[in-house]
Amino acid sequence: MAIVDALLPEYDHEMTVTRKVLERVAADKLGWKPHDKSMTLGRLATHVADILQWGHTILNEPEFNMTEGSYQPKIAATAAEVTAMFDDNVRTIRAILAGKTDAELMGMWTFKQNGKEMFSMPRAAAWRGWVMNHLIHHRGQLSVYLRLTGSKVPGIYGPSADES
């Protein structure tokens, strides 16, 4: 079995679940945040929708050099814009992932910060950590935000308290 044949079912499942969570983001609560140091609901939802963009870099480039001040986070203006961004990213990144060979996925990918190598690992490992696990982590945060703002939380790995 090719590596990508193991990664794609996980991708499809997690993207379906993530879309359910994003669909519950209340349009009138985008500016809400649980703490002064926290992201707003809108910023967090946009981050979840946009994390997949890391897949483009990890799957296609040999390295990424994060330079100070180069990252400008996106903030969607509406809840509909969040889900549209997510849907576009899901389609684009899935097509890239589906086309990768075992050799490409086992090729090394390097993350640098201001030119200094922070780590290097096989693309498949970077994909799992920087795209999939990162997205799942922030989706979990987003599900808590939903609960705290009164939105119903969808089932993620089974039914939620809001679904029987």
Protein backbone atom coordinates (compact mmCIF):
# COMPACT_ATOMS: atom_id res chain seq x y z
CA MET A 1 0.00 0.00 0.00
CA ALA A 2 1.27 3.45 -0.87
CA ILE A 3 1.69 5.93 1.99
CA VAL A 4 -0.80 8.31 0.42
CA ASP A 5 -3.43 5.55 0.44
CA ALA A 6 -3.17 5.55 4.24
CA LEU A 7 -3.16 9.36 4.55
CA LEU A 8 -6.14 10.16 2.31
CA PRO A 9 -8.89 8.38 4.31
CA GLU A 10 -7.70 10.17 7.47
CA TYR A 11 -7.66 13.46 5.58
CA ASP A 12 -11.17 12.96 4.20
CA HIS A 13 -12.57 12.01 7.62
CA GLU A 14 -10.92 14.87 9.50
CA MET A 15 -11.94 17.44 6.88
CA THR A 16 -15.58 16.28 7.04
CA VAL A 17 -15.57 16.61 10.83
CA THR A 18 -13.76 19.96 10.72
CA ARG A 19 -16.34 21.37 8.31
CA LYS A 20 -19.12 20.41 10.74
CA VAL A 21 -17.35 22.39 13.47
CA LEU A 22 -16.79 25.41 11.21
CA GLU A 23 -20.46 25.37 10.16
CA ARG A 24 -21.44 25.97 13.81
CA VAL A 25 -19.44 29.21 14.12
CA ALA A 26 -21.99 31.94 14.88
CA ALA A 27 -21.66 34.88 12.51
CA ASP A 28 -22.52 37.34 15.29
CA LYS A 29 -19.81 36.01 17.64
CA LEU A 30 -16.69 36.36 15.46
CA GLY A 31 -15.23 39.05 17.73
CA TRP A 32 -15.71 37.03 20.95
CA LYS A 33 -12.73 35.63 22.83
CA PRO A 34 -12.51 33.80 26.17
CA HIS A 35 -9.48 35.69 27.46
CA ASP A 36 -7.44 38.78 26.61
CA LYS A 37 -4.54 36.57 25.44
CA SER A 38 -6.79 34.35 23.30
CA MET A 39 -7.62 34.62 19.61
CA THR A 40 -11.08 35.83 18.72
CA LEU A 41 -13.55 33.23 17.52
CA GLY A 42 -13.26 34.63 13.99
CA ARG A 43 -9.45 34.53 14.03
CA LEU A 44 -9.40 30.96 15.40
CA ALA A 45 -11.99 29.75 12.86
CA THR A 46 -9.99 31.38 10.05
CA HIS A 47 -6.81 29.74 11.35
CA VAL A 48 -8.50 26.33 11.31
CA ALA A 49 -9.71 26.97 7.75
CA ASP A 50 -6.26 28.12 6.61
CA ILE A 51 -3.93 25.61 8.33
CA LEU A 52 -4.17 23.37 5.28
CA GLN A 53 -2.08 25.91 3.36
CA TRP A 54 0.97 24.53 5.17
CA GLY A 55 0.34 21.37 3.14
CA HIS A 56 1.20 23.18 -0.07
CA THR A 57 4.62 24.16 1.26
CA ILE A 58 5.37 20.86 2.98
CA LEU A 59 4.33 18.73 0.02
CA ASN A 60 5.92 20.86 -2.72
CA GLU A 61 8.93 22.70 -1.32
CA PRO A 62 12.17 21.34 0.18
CA GLU A 63 12.10 23.87 3.02
CA PHE A 64 10.36 26.85 4.51
CA ASN A 65 12.15 29.80 6.04
CA MET A 66 9.94 31.79 8.42
CA THR A 67 11.40 35.25 8.62
CA GLU A 68 10.50 37.67 11.36
CA GLY A 69 7.37 39.59 10.44
CA SER A 70 6.68 37.54 7.30
CA TYR A 71 3.57 35.83 8.64
CA GLN A 72 0.41 37.87 8.28
CA PRO A 73 -2.55 35.90 9.65
CA LYS A 74 -5.75 35.94 7.66
CA ILE A 75 -8.98 36.95 9.33
CA ALA A 76 -12.20 36.16 7.50
CA ALA A 77 -14.85 38.84 7.66
CA THR A 78 -17.80 36.43 7.83
CA ALA A 79 -18.56 32.87 8.89
CA ALA A 80 -19.46 32.10 5.27
CA GLU A 81 -16.02 33.30 4.18
CA VAL A 82 -14.44 30.89 6.69
CA THR A 83 -16.23 27.84 5.28
CA ALA A 84 -15.58 28.93 1.68
CA MET A 85 -11.85 29.32 2.46
CA PHE A 86 -11.84 25.91 4.11
CA ASP A 87 -13.62 24.21 1.20
CA ASP A 88 -11.17 25.70 -1.33
CA ASN A 89 -8.19 24.62 0.76
CA VAL A 90 -9.57 21.10 1.26
CA ARG A 91 -9.94 20.58 -2.50
CA THR A 92 -6.59 22.11 -3.43
CA ILE A 93 -4.51 20.35 -0.79
CA ARG A 94 -6.21 16.98 -1.29
CA ALA A 95 -5.29 17.06 -4.98
CA ILE A 96 -1.65 17.82 -4.11
CA LEU A 97 -1.50 15.07 -1.47
CA ALA A 98 -3.18 12.50 -3.75
CA GLY A 99 -0.46 13.00 -6.36
CA LYS A 100 2.50 12.28 -4.07
CA THR A 101 4.62 9.15 -4.33
CA ASP A 102 6.19 7.29 -1.42
CA ALA A 103 9.58 8.68 -2.41
CA GLU A 104 8.25 12.24 -2.30
CA LEU A 105 6.52 11.72 1.05
CA MET A 106 9.66 10.22 2.56
CA GLY A 107 11.82 13.07 1.21
CA MET A 108 13.15 15.46 3.81
CA TRP A 109 11.47 18.79 4.56
CA THR A 110 13.20 21.49 6.58
CA PHE A 111 11.76 24.31 8.67
CA LYS A 112 14.00 27.32 9.22
CA GLN A 113 13.46 30.45 11.22
CA ASN A 114 15.38 33.51 10.07
CA GLY A 115 17.70 31.19 8.14
CA LYS A 116 18.46 28.92 11.10
CA GLU A 117 17.40 25.29 10.73
CA MET A 118 14.90 24.40 13.45
CA PHE A 119 14.25 20.82 12.29
CA SER A 120 14.22 18.51 9.32
CA MET A 121 11.99 15.45 8.91
CA PRO A 122 10.32 13.34 6.22
CA ARG A 123 7.46 15.17 4.48
CA ALA A 124 4.94 12.57 5.70
CA ALA A 125 5.92 13.33 9.32
CA ALA A 126 5.81 17.10 8.73
CA TRP A 127 2.39 16.65 7.08
CA ARG A 128 1.02 14.77 10.09
CA GLY A 129 2.46 17.18 12.67
CA TRP A 130 2.22 20.59 11.02
CA VAL A 131 -0.99 20.09 9.07
CA MET A 132 -3.14 17.31 10.50
CA ASN A 133 -2.25 17.43 14.21
CA HIS A 134 -2.11 21.23 14.13
CA LEU A 135 -5.57 21.42 12.59
CA ILE A 136 -7.01 18.87 15.05
CA HIS A 137 -5.52 20.79 17.99
CA HIS A 138 -7.09 24.09 16.95
CA ARG A 139 -10.37 22.39 16.01
CA GLY A 140 -10.51 21.19 19.62
CA GLN A 141 -10.04 24.76 20.82
CA LEU A 142 -12.74 25.88 18.43
CA SER A 143 -15.17 23.31 19.81
CA VAL A 144 -14.67 24.80 23.28
CA TYR A 145 -15.29 28.29 21.88
CA LEU A 146 -18.54 26.97 20.38
CA ARG A 147 -19.67 25.65 23.75
CA LEU A 148 -18.76 28.91 25.53
CA THR A 149 -20.67 31.02 23.00
CA GLY A 150 -23.81 28.89 23.19
CA SER A 151 -23.44 27.13 19.84
CA LYS A 152 -24.15 23.43 19.60
CA VAL A 153 -20.99 21.31 19.36
CA PRO A 154 -21.14 18.63 16.68
CA GLY A 155 -19.94 15.11 17.31
CA ILE A 156 -16.26 14.80 16.46
CA TYR A 157 -15.19 11.25 17.37
CA GLY A 158 -18.63 10.18 18.45
CA PRO A 159 -21.74 12.00 19.62
CA SER A 160 -21.41 15.24 21.57
CA ALA A 161 -23.58 16.35 24.48
CA ASP A 162 -25.62 18.28 21.90
CA GLU A 163 -26.27 15.27 19.66
CA SER A 164 -27.76 11.95 20.62
